[in-house]
Amino acid sequence: MWWFQQGLSFLPSALVIWTFATFIFSYITAITLHHVDPALPYISDTGTIPPERCLFGVMLSIAAVLGIATIYVRYKQVQALNPEENLIIKLNKAGLVLGILSCLGLSLVANFQPKIHSKQVFWVRLLLVIWCGVSALTMMTCSSILYSSDFGPDVVQKLHWNREDKGYVLHLVTTAAEWSMSFSFFGFFLTYIRDFQKITLRVEANLHGLTLYDTVPCPVTNERSPLLSRDFQ
């Protein structure tokens, strides 16, 4: 049995591989077509102009769905390991909410490119996706300075930067922090693989009638089947 066949370990693996492929494919396409500069563009800039925008949007939306599935499985795992710890239950629920909000932000990144939409959309995406970490704080600080100061009216729509441009250093620091944060997230979700090898989820269908038109409940046999994975002993 291969390692990715054990439990639900394929979920975090698929999330990391798919998201990494999204960034790399859109980056290569954008660079090949000279839509962005090769030196540290914003990740979302590599998915701003067609045709890479279509690829970026579709693939990142799928990554958001994989992220929600992974976060939910982790939530159920922690819930099963700590069924009576009130503090852990509350923290676990808070983590689930934050994770879903982060995936919502990822979906906004996929479908709303900052170069063709307003600053408000940019900040909503930023706050939803980023919520902790040194790279995140660095990116938020530099972004707030870059987009709030007088570096020119076209700084939001700017795709190509020169060394002589105002805010060039802040731009590089911000994009470096963004890429660093993304790869940190990859490493974080890869740590889930070993834990997910030891868990399966099951779905149970409780039927209250033999047909969809039954109005009076009658006893029927319930159906149980594994959810997303076989039931490994």
C-alpha atoms as a PDB file:
ATOM      1  CA  MET A   1       0.000   0.000   0.000  1.00  0.00           C
ATOM      2  CA  TRP A   2       1.406   3.389  -1.033  1.00  0.00           C
ATOM      3  CA  TRP A   3       1.633   6.166   1.568  1.00  0.00           C
ATOM      4  CA  PHE A   4      -1.028   8.308  -0.175  1.00  0.00           C
ATOM      5  CA  GLN A   5      -3.464   5.376  -0.042  1.00  0.00           C
ATOM      6  CA  GLN A   6      -3.429   5.316   3.747  1.00  0.00           C
ATOM      7  CA  GLY A   7      -6.399   7.036   5.365  1.00  0.00           C
ATOM      8  CA  LEU A   8      -7.024  10.541   4.034  1.00  0.00           C
ATOM      9  CA  SER A   9      -3.382  11.494   3.504  1.00  0.00           C
ATOM     10  CA  PHE A  10      -4.097  12.251  -0.148  1.00  0.00           C
ATOM     11  CA  LEU A  11      -6.054  15.382   0.847  1.00  0.00           C
ATOM     12  CA  PRO A  12      -3.182  17.576   2.126  1.00  0.00           C
ATOM     13  CA  SER A  13      -0.915  16.099  -0.551  1.00  0.00           C
ATOM     14  CA  ALA A  14      -3.347  17.048  -3.306  1.00  0.00           C
ATOM     15  CA  LEU A  15      -3.831  20.507  -1.792  1.00  0.00           C
ATOM     16  CA  VAL A  16      -0.106  21.299  -1.764  1.00  0.00           C
ATOM     17  CA  ILE A  17       0.683  19.790  -5.165  1.00  0.00           C
ATOM     18  CA  TRP A  18      -2.313  21.421  -6.862  1.00  0.00           C
ATOM     19  CA  THR A  19      -1.715  24.874  -5.362  1.00  0.00           C
ATOM     20  CA  PHE A  20       2.000  24.756  -6.165  1.00  0.00           C
ATOM     21  CA  ALA A  21       1.191  23.756  -9.744  1.00  0.00           C
ATOM     22  CA  THR A  22      -1.279  26.654  -9.956  1.00  0.00           C
ATOM     23  CA  PHE A  23       1.369  29.197  -9.006  1.00  0.00           C
ATOM     24  CA  ILE A  24       4.067  27.699 -11.222  1.00  0.00           C
ATOM     25  CA  PHE A  25       1.924  27.251 -14.358  1.00  0.00           C
ATOM     26  CA  SER A  26       0.465  30.752 -14.183  1.00  0.00           C
ATOM     27  CA  TYR A  27       3.917  32.225 -13.440  1.00  0.00           C
ATOM     28  CA  ILE A  28       5.538  30.467 -16.408  1.00  0.00           C
ATOM     29  CA  THR A  29       2.700  31.516 -18.718  1.00  0.00           C
ATOM     30  CA  ALA A  30       2.803  35.143 -17.565  1.00  0.00           C
ATOM     31  CA  ILE A  31       6.598  35.305 -17.910  1.00  0.00           C
ATOM     32  CA  THR A  32       6.559  33.680 -21.347  1.00  0.00           C
ATOM     33  CA  LEU A  33       4.010  36.212 -22.614  1.00  0.00           C
ATOM     34  CA  HIS A  34       5.853  39.124 -20.916  1.00  0.00           C
ATOM     35  CA  HIS A  35       2.815  40.079 -18.857  1.00  0.00           C
ATOM     36  CA  VAL A  36       4.853  40.420 -15.628  1.00  0.00           C
ATOM     37  CA  ASP A  37       8.495  40.822 -14.658  1.00  0.00           C
ATOM     38  CA  PRO A  38      10.412  37.618 -13.853  1.00  0.00           C
ATOM     39  CA  ALA A  39      11.763  39.058 -10.595  1.00  0.00           C
ATOM     40  CA  LEU A  40       9.219  38.383  -7.833  1.00  0.00           C
ATOM     41  CA  PRO A  41       5.850  39.479  -9.198  1.00  0.00           C
ATOM     42  CA  TYR A  42       2.802  39.305  -6.964  1.00  0.00           C
ATOM     43  CA  ILE A  43       1.297  35.825  -7.112  1.00  0.00           C
ATOM     44  CA  SER A  44      -2.050  37.288  -8.147  1.00  0.00           C
ATOM     45  CA  ASP A  45      -0.320  39.381 -10.852  1.00  0.00           C
ATOM     46  CA  THR A  46       0.615  36.150 -12.623  1.00  0.00           C
ATOM     47  CA  GLY A  47      -3.119  35.506 -13.016  1.00  0.00           C
ATOM     48  CA  THR A  48      -4.286  38.959 -14.061  1.00  0.00           C
ATOM     49  CA  ILE A  49      -4.181  38.933 -17.869  1.00  0.00           C
ATOM     50  CA  PRO A  50      -5.667  36.236 -20.160  1.00  0.00           C
ATOM     51  CA  PRO A  51      -4.886  33.455 -20.898  1.00  0.00           C
ATOM     52  CA  GLU A  52      -3.162  32.791 -17.554  1.00  0.00           C
ATOM     53  CA  ARG A  53      -6.055  34.472 -15.731  1.00  0.00           C
ATOM     54  CA  CYS A  54      -8.396  31.655 -16.782  1.00  0.00           C
ATOM     55  CA  LEU A  55      -5.922  28.976 -15.702  1.00  0.00           C
ATOM     56  CA  PHE A  56      -5.174  30.746 -12.428  1.00  0.00           C
ATOM     57  CA  GLY A  57      -8.838  31.261 -11.544  1.00  0.00           C
ATOM     58  CA  VAL A  58      -9.973  27.703 -12.238  1.00  0.00           C
ATOM     59  CA  MET A  59      -7.034  25.983 -10.552  1.00  0.00           C
ATOM     60  CA  LEU A  60      -7.035  28.231  -7.481  1.00  0.00           C
ATOM     61  CA  SER A  61     -10.783  27.774  -7.017  1.00  0.00           C
ATOM     62  CA  ILE A  62     -10.216  24.012  -6.925  1.00  0.00           C
ATOM     63  CA  ALA A  63      -7.392  24.579  -4.430  1.00  0.00           C
ATOM     64  CA  ALA A  64      -9.829  26.504  -2.205  1.00  0.00           C
ATOM     65  CA  VAL A  65     -12.206  23.528  -2.221  1.00  0.00           C
ATOM     66  CA  LEU A  66      -9.355  21.148  -1.352  1.00  0.00           C
ATOM     67  CA  GLY A  67      -8.368  23.532   1.440  1.00  0.00           C
ATOM     68  CA  ILE A  68     -11.851  23.503   2.966  1.00  0.00           C
ATOM     69  CA  ALA A  69     -11.941  19.686   2.801  1.00  0.00           C
ATOM     70  CA  THR A  70      -8.527  19.424   4.471  1.00  0.00           C
ATOM     71  CA  ILE A  71      -9.432  21.893   7.219  1.00  0.00           C
ATOM     72  CA  TYR A  72     -12.721  20.132   7.902  1.00  0.00           C
ATOM     73  CA  VAL A  73     -11.021  16.729   8.240  1.00  0.00           C
ATOM     74  CA  ARG A  74      -8.509  18.243  10.646  1.00  0.00           C
ATOM     75  CA  TYR A  75     -11.384  19.755  12.625  1.00  0.00           C
ATOM     76  CA  LYS A  76     -13.120  16.365  12.916  1.00  0.00           C
ATOM     77  CA  GLN A  77      -9.857  14.689  13.903  1.00  0.00           C
ATOM     78  CA  VAL A  78      -9.178  17.128  16.754  1.00  0.00           C
ATOM     79  CA  GLN A  79     -12.826  16.861  17.804  1.00  0.00           C
ATOM     80  CA  ALA A  80     -12.560  13.067  18.027  1.00  0.00           C
ATOM     81  CA  LEU A  81      -9.300  13.202  20.017  1.00  0.00           C
ATOM     82  CA  ASN A  82     -10.596  15.780  22.517  1.00  0.00           C
ATOM     83  CA  PRO A  83     -14.356  15.224  22.909  1.00  0.00           C
ATOM     84  CA  GLU A  84     -14.604  16.722  26.412  1.00  0.00           C
ATOM     85  CA  GLU A  85     -11.978  19.486  26.538  1.00  0.00           C
ATOM     86  CA  ASN A  86     -13.981  22.722  26.421  1.00  0.00           C
ATOM     87  CA  LEU A  87     -11.025  24.980  25.642  1.00  0.00           C
ATOM     88  CA  ILE A  88      -9.762  22.746  22.853  1.00  0.00           C
ATOM     89  CA  ILE A  89     -13.294  22.484  21.423  1.00  0.00           C
ATOM     90  CA  LYS A  90     -13.576  26.273  21.275  1.00  0.00           C
ATOM     91  CA  LEU A  91     -10.124  26.674  19.743  1.00  0.00           C
ATOM     92  CA  ASN A  92     -10.911  23.923  17.265  1.00  0.00           C
ATOM     93  CA  LYS A  93     -14.098  25.684  16.146  1.00  0.00           C
ATOM     94  CA  ALA A  94     -12.254  28.987  15.882  1.00  0.00           C
ATOM     95  CA  GLY A  95      -9.614  27.295  13.736  1.00  0.00           C
ATOM     96  CA  LEU A  96     -12.308  25.860  11.478  1.00  0.00           C
ATOM     97  CA  VAL A  97     -13.864  29.301  10.980  1.00  0.00           C
ATOM     98  CA  LEU A  98     -10.484  30.927  10.279  1.00  0.00           C
ATOM     99  CA  GLY A  99      -9.608  28.157   7.849  1.00  0.00           C
ATOM    100  CA  ILE A 100     -12.851  28.541   5.923  1.00  0.00           C
ATOM    101  CA  LEU A 101     -12.383  32.329   5.803  1.00  0.00           C
ATOM    102  CA  SER A 102      -8.847  31.823   4.489  1.00  0.00           C
ATOM    103  CA  CYS A 103     -10.163  29.540   1.742  1.00  0.00           C
ATOM    104  CA  LEU A 104     -12.807  32.155   0.929  1.00  0.00           C
ATOM    105  CA  GLY A 105      -9.989  34.668   0.580  1.00  0.00           C
ATOM    106  CA  LEU A 106      -8.174  32.219  -1.699  1.00  0.00           C
ATOM    107  CA  SER A 107     -11.297  32.033  -3.852  1.00  0.00           C
ATOM    108  CA  LEU A 108     -11.374  35.838  -4.024  1.00  0.00           C
ATOM    109  CA  VAL A 109      -7.731  35.834  -5.101  1.00  0.00           C
ATOM    110  CA  ALA A 110      -8.696  33.437  -7.879  1.00  0.00           C
ATOM    111  CA  ASN A 111     -11.656  35.435  -9.155  1.00  0.00           C
ATOM    112  CA  PHE A 112     -10.821  39.090  -8.395  1.00  0.00           C
ATOM    113  CA  GLN A 113      -7.482  40.302  -9.745  1.00  0.00           C
ATOM    114  CA  PRO A 114      -6.295  43.463  -7.924  1.00  0.00           C
ATOM    115  CA  LYS A 115      -5.025  45.123 -11.089  1.00  0.00           C
ATOM    116  CA  ILE A 116      -8.516  45.296 -12.564  1.00  0.00           C
ATOM    117  CA  HIS A 117     -10.520  45.842  -9.383  1.00  0.00           C
ATOM    118  CA  SER A 118     -10.548  48.319  -6.508  1.00  0.00           C
ATOM    119  CA  LYS A 119      -8.285  48.654  -3.494  1.00  0.00           C
ATOM    120  CA  GLN A 120     -11.186  47.529  -1.290  1.00  0.00           C
ATOM    121  CA  VAL A 121     -11.196  44.100  -2.945  1.00  0.00           C
ATOM    122  CA  PHE A 122      -7.434  43.890  -2.445  1.00  0.00           C
ATOM    123  CA  TRP A 123      -7.694  44.527   1.301  1.00  0.00           C
ATOM    124  CA  VAL A 124     -10.600  42.106   1.742  1.00  0.00           C
ATOM    125  CA  ARG A 125      -8.569  39.381   0.036  1.00  0.00           C
ATOM    126  CA  LEU A 126      -5.502  40.239   2.078  1.00  0.00           C
ATOM    127  CA  LEU A 127      -7.268  40.104   5.429  1.00  0.00           C
ATOM    128  CA  LEU A 128      -9.034  36.845   4.625  1.00  0.00           C
ATOM    129  CA  VAL A 129      -6.006  34.949   3.365  1.00  0.00           C
ATOM    130  CA  ILE A 130      -3.413  36.298   5.796  1.00  0.00           C
ATOM    131  CA  TRP A 131      -3.910  36.037   9.520  1.00  0.00           C
ATOM    132  CA  CYS A 132      -0.594  35.191  11.195  1.00  0.00           C
ATOM    133  CA  GLY A 133       3.149  34.797  10.718  1.00  0.00           C
ATOM    134  CA  VAL A 134       6.200  37.000  10.208  1.00  0.00           C
ATOM    135  CA  SER A 135       5.843  36.955   6.425  1.00  0.00           C
ATOM    136  CA  ALA A 136       2.193  37.914   6.707  1.00  0.00           C
ATOM    137  CA  LEU A 137       2.931  40.843   9.029  1.00  0.00           C
ATOM    138  CA  THR A 138       5.738  42.007   6.751  1.00  0.00           C
ATOM    139  CA  MET A 139       3.505  41.828   3.722  1.00  0.00           C
ATOM    140  CA  MET A 140       0.646  43.666   5.421  1.00  0.00           C
ATOM    141  CA  THR A 141       2.941  46.430   6.687  1.00  0.00           C
ATOM    142  CA  CYS A 142       4.698  47.002   3.364  1.00  0.00           C
ATOM    143  CA  SER A 143       1.441  46.753   1.418  1.00  0.00           C
ATOM    144  CA  SER A 144      -0.238  49.333   3.631  1.00  0.00           C
ATOM    145  CA  ILE A 145       2.670  51.735   3.094  1.00  0.00           C
ATOM    146  CA  LEU A 146       2.874  51.030  -0.626  1.00  0.00           C
ATOM    147  CA  TYR A 147      -0.835  51.473  -1.343  1.00  0.00           C
ATOM    148  CA  SER A 148      -1.462  54.293   1.117  1.00  0.00           C
ATOM    149  CA  SER A 149       1.491  56.557   0.263  1.00  0.00           C
ATOM    150  CA  ASP A 150       2.049  58.804  -2.728  1.00  0.00           C
ATOM    151  CA  PHE A 151       3.826  56.441  -5.106  1.00  0.00           C
ATOM    152  CA  GLY A 152       1.728  57.386  -8.096  1.00  0.00           C
ATOM    153  CA  PRO A 153      -1.910  56.878  -9.112  1.00  0.00           C
ATOM    154  CA  ASP A 154      -1.204  53.700 -11.097  1.00  0.00           C
ATOM    155  CA  VAL A 155       0.563  51.713  -8.378  1.00  0.00           C
ATOM    156  CA  VAL A 156      -2.425  49.367  -7.969  1.00  0.00           C
ATOM    157  CA  GLN A 157      -2.516  48.560 -11.703  1.00  0.00           C
ATOM    158  CA  LYS A 158       1.263  48.372 -12.090  1.00  0.00           C
ATOM    159  CA  LEU A 159       2.540  45.087 -13.531  1.00  0.00           C
ATOM    160  CA  HIS A 160       6.055  46.101 -14.605  1.00  0.00           C
ATOM    161  CA  TRP A 161       8.487  47.720 -12.177  1.00  0.00           C
ATOM    162  CA  ASN A 162      11.845  49.444 -12.741  1.00  0.00           C
ATOM    163  CA  ARG A 163      14.548  50.084 -10.179  1.00  0.00           C
ATOM    164  CA  GLU A 164      13.973  53.829 -10.545  1.00  0.00           C
ATOM    165  CA  ASP A 165      10.261  53.589  -9.656  1.00  0.00           C
ATOM    166  CA  LYS A 166       9.066  54.938  -6.340  1.00  0.00           C
ATOM    167  CA  GLY A 167       8.213  52.123  -3.957  1.00  0.00           C
ATOM    168  CA  TYR A 168      10.327  49.574  -5.840  1.00  0.00           C
ATOM    169  CA  VAL A 169      12.046  48.299  -2.683  1.00  0.00           C
ATOM    170  CA  LEU A 170       8.728  48.043  -0.822  1.00  0.00           C
ATOM    171  CA  HIS A 171       7.305  46.176  -3.797  1.00  0.00           C
ATOM    172  CA  LEU A 172      10.133  43.620  -3.698  1.00  0.00           C
ATOM    173  CA  VAL A 173       9.845  43.155   0.067  1.00  0.00           C
ATOM    174  CA  THR A 174       6.078  42.674  -0.215  1.00  0.00           C
ATOM    175  CA  THR A 175       6.267  40.140  -3.035  1.00  0.00           C
ATOM    176  CA  ALA A 176       9.126  38.245  -1.360  1.00  0.00           C
ATOM    177  CA  ALA A 177       7.061  38.023   1.831  1.00  0.00           C
ATOM    178  CA  GLU A 178       4.052  36.815  -0.172  1.00  0.00           C
ATOM    179  CA  TRP A 179       5.988  34.012  -1.865  1.00  0.00           C
ATOM    180  CA  SER A 180       7.677  33.097   1.421  1.00  0.00           C
ATOM    181  CA  MET A 181       4.327  32.932   3.189  1.00  0.00           C
ATOM    182  CA  SER A 182       2.898  30.715   0.447  1.00  0.00           C
ATOM    183  CA  PHE A 183       5.738  28.213   0.695  1.00  0.00           C
ATOM    184  CA  SER A 184       5.414  28.271   4.493  1.00  0.00           C
ATOM    185  CA  PHE A 185       1.770  27.264   4.084  1.00  0.00           C
ATOM    186  CA  PHE A 186       2.856  24.417   1.802  1.00  0.00           C
ATOM    187  CA  GLY A 187       5.204  23.138   4.492  1.00  0.00           C
ATOM    188  CA  PHE A 188       2.496  23.489   7.146  1.00  0.00           C
ATOM    189  CA  PHE A 189      -0.066  21.419   5.251  1.00  0.00           C
ATOM    190  CA  LEU A 190       2.528  18.778   4.388  1.00  0.00           C
ATOM    191  CA  THR A 191       2.821  18.071   8.123  1.00  0.00           C
ATOM    192  CA  TYR A 192      -0.803  16.867   8.012  1.00  0.00           C
ATOM    193  CA  ILE A 193       0.061  13.844   5.879  1.00  0.00           C
ATOM    194  CA  ARG A 194       1.260  11.615   8.718  1.00  0.00           C
ATOM    195  CA  ASP A 195      -1.773  12.475  10.880  1.00  0.00           C
ATOM    196  CA  PHE A 196      -4.239  11.966   8.026  1.00  0.00           C
ATOM    197  CA  GLN A 197      -2.869   8.479   7.380  1.00  0.00           C
ATOM    198  CA  LYS A 198      -4.532   7.439  10.645  1.00  0.00           C
ATOM    199  CA  ILE A 199      -8.032   8.767   9.988  1.00  0.00           C
ATOM    200  CA  THR A 200     -11.058   7.914   7.863  1.00  0.00           C
ATOM    201  CA  LEU A 201     -14.461   9.563   7.733  1.00  0.00           C
ATOM    202  CA  ARG A 202     -17.789   7.840   7.262  1.00  0.00           C
ATOM    203  CA  VAL A 203     -21.112   9.141   5.987  1.00  0.00           C
ATOM    204  CA  GLU A 204     -24.409   7.712   7.213  1.00  0.00           C
ATOM    205  CA  ALA A 205     -27.723   8.102   5.352  1.00  0.00           C
ATOM    206  CA  ASN A 206     -30.786   7.838   7.617  1.00  0.00           C
ATOM    207  CA  LEU A 207     -33.842   7.082   5.480  1.00  0.00           C
ATOM    208  CA  HIS A 208     -37.240   8.034   6.902  1.00  0.00           C
ATOM    209  CA  GLY A 209     -39.229   6.423   4.115  1.00  0.00           C
ATOM    210  CA  LEU A 210     -38.937   3.979   1.254  1.00  0.00           C
ATOM    211  CA  THR A 211     -39.707   6.673  -1.343  1.00  0.00           C
ATOM    212  CA  LEU A 212     -39.521  10.450  -1.580  1.00  0.00           C
ATOM    213  CA  TYR A 213     -43.315  10.639  -1.292  1.00  0.00           C
ATOM    214  CA  ASP A 214     -43.684   8.850   2.055  1.00  0.00           C
ATOM    215  CA  THR A 215     -45.306  11.094   4.674  1.00  0.00           C
ATOM    216  CA  VAL A 216     -45.266   8.662   7.592  1.00  0.00           C
ATOM    217  CA  PRO A 217     -41.844   7.586   8.871  1.00  0.00           C
ATOM    218  CA  CYS A 218     -41.211   3.877   8.624  1.00  0.00           C
ATOM    219  CA  PRO A 219     -38.226   1.842   9.826  1.00  0.00           C
ATOM    220  CA  VAL A 220     -35.741   1.156   7.064  1.00  0.00           C
ATOM    221  CA  THR A 221     -32.186  -0.050   6.983  1.00  0.00           C
ATOM    222  CA  ASN A 222     -29.606   2.717   7.302  1.00  0.00           C
ATOM    223  CA  GLU A 223     -26.761   2.946   4.820  1.00  0.00           C
ATOM    224  CA  ARG A 224     -23.174   3.519   5.845  1.00  0.00           C
ATOM    225  CA  SER A 225     -20.198   3.982   3.565  1.00  0.00           C
ATOM    226  CA  PRO A 226     -16.717   5.508   3.875  1.00  0.00           C
ATOM    227  CA  LEU A 227     -16.340   9.190   2.992  1.00  0.00           C
ATOM    228  CA  LEU A 228     -13.431   9.878   0.629  1.00  0.00           C
ATOM    229  CA  SER A 229     -11.487   6.823   1.719  1.00  0.00           C
ATOM    230  CA  ARG A 230     -11.733   3.116   2.356  1.00  0.00           C
ATOM    231  CA  ASP A 231     -12.074   1.949   5.961  1.00  0.00           C
ATOM    232  CA  PHE A 232      -8.564   0.718   6.739  1.00  0.00           C
ATOM    233  CA  GLN A 233      -8.181  -1.546   9.745  1.00  0.00           C
END
